[in-house]
Protein backbone atom coordinates (compact mmCIF):
# COMPACT_ATOMS: atom_id res chain seq x y z
CA MET A 1 28.49 31.89 36.17
CA ASN A 2 29.94 29.31 33.78
CA LYS A 3 32.44 28.16 36.39
CA ILE A 4 29.64 27.54 38.89
CA ILE A 5 27.66 25.57 36.31
CA LEU A 6 30.70 23.47 35.41
CA GLN A 7 31.50 22.73 39.04
CA PHE A 8 27.89 21.77 39.76
CA GLY A 9 27.93 19.50 36.71
CA LEU A 10 31.13 17.84 37.93
CA LEU A 11 29.57 17.32 41.36
CA VAL A 12 26.59 15.59 39.78
CA PHE A 13 28.94 13.54 37.58
CA PHE A 14 30.83 12.16 40.56
CA LEU A 15 27.63 11.56 42.53
CA ALA A 16 26.28 9.64 39.53
CA VAL A 17 29.49 7.57 39.42
CA ILE A 18 29.03 6.67 43.08
CA PHE A 19 25.32 5.93 42.59
CA PHE A 20 25.81 3.69 39.56
CA SER A 21 28.85 1.91 41.01
CA GLN A 22 26.82 0.80 44.01
CA ARG A 23 24.34 -0.88 41.68
CA GLY A 24 26.96 -3.27 40.30
CA ILE A 25 26.98 -1.88 36.75
CA PRO A 26 30.15 -2.42 34.64
CA LEU A 27 32.69 0.42 34.75
CA GLN A 28 32.24 1.39 31.08
CA ASP A 29 28.47 1.78 31.52
CA ILE A 30 28.96 3.75 34.73
CA LEU A 31 31.24 6.26 33.05
CA LEU A 32 29.06 6.52 29.95
CA LYS A 33 25.85 7.15 31.90
CA SER A 34 27.54 9.59 34.27
CA PHE A 35 29.11 11.49 31.37
CA LEU A 36 25.76 11.74 29.58
CA ILE A 37 24.15 13.07 32.75
CA PHE A 38 26.99 15.60 33.09
CA ILE A 39 26.65 16.82 29.49
CA VAL A 40 22.85 17.10 29.59
CA LEU A 41 22.80 18.88 32.95
CA THR A 42 25.59 21.29 32.02
CA VAL A 43 23.97 22.23 28.70
CA MET A 44 20.55 22.72 30.32
CA LEU A 45 21.96 24.88 33.11
CA SER A 46 23.98 26.94 30.62
CA ILE A 47 20.89 27.60 28.52
CA ALA A 48 18.92 28.54 31.64
CA ALA A 49 21.69 30.94 32.70
CA ILE A 50 21.78 32.58 29.26
CA VAL A 51 18.00 33.04 29.26
CA PHE A 52 18.13 34.43 32.79
CA MET A 53 20.88 36.91 31.90
CA LYS A 54 19.05 38.06 28.77
CA SER A 55 15.80 38.62 30.68
CA ILE A 56 17.60 40.65 33.35
CA ASN A 57 19.39 42.67 30.66
CA LYS A 58 16.15 43.35 28.79
CA SER A 59 14.27 44.46 31.91
CA SER A 60 17.11 46.76 32.96
CA LEU A 61 17.22 48.32 29.48
CA ASP A 62 13.45 48.87 29.57
CA LYS A 63 13.67 50.50 33.00
CA SER A 64 16.56 52.68 31.86
CA LYS A 65 14.63 53.79 28.79
CA GLU A 66 11.56 54.55 30.92
CA LEU A 67 13.64 56.56 33.39
CA THR A 68 15.25 58.55 30.58
CA GLU A 69 11.84 59.35 29.10
CA ASN A 70 10.52 60.43 32.50
CA LEU A 71 13.51 62.67 33.16
CA THR A 72 13.34 64.38 29.77
CA GLY A 73 9.62 64.94 30.11
CA SER A 74 8.61 63.18 26.94
CA SER A 75 5.62 60.86 27.01
CA LYS A 76 4.58 57.93 24.87
């Protein structure tokens, strides 16, 4: 998952470099803005992936616990 996020971030970085270079911005500003976009996007996607994984893990644990209780015959 992290590799996919990193590759997507790099894709956006290079697209931002192309976008900003066509606007006639100096090279230093192009790289700075593109790098900031890369960092922000990568961090946001990493946080979203962590939250997504935790929610899937929690729901699977709840279902497993419910199945175990149903199989043993105990009720809440």
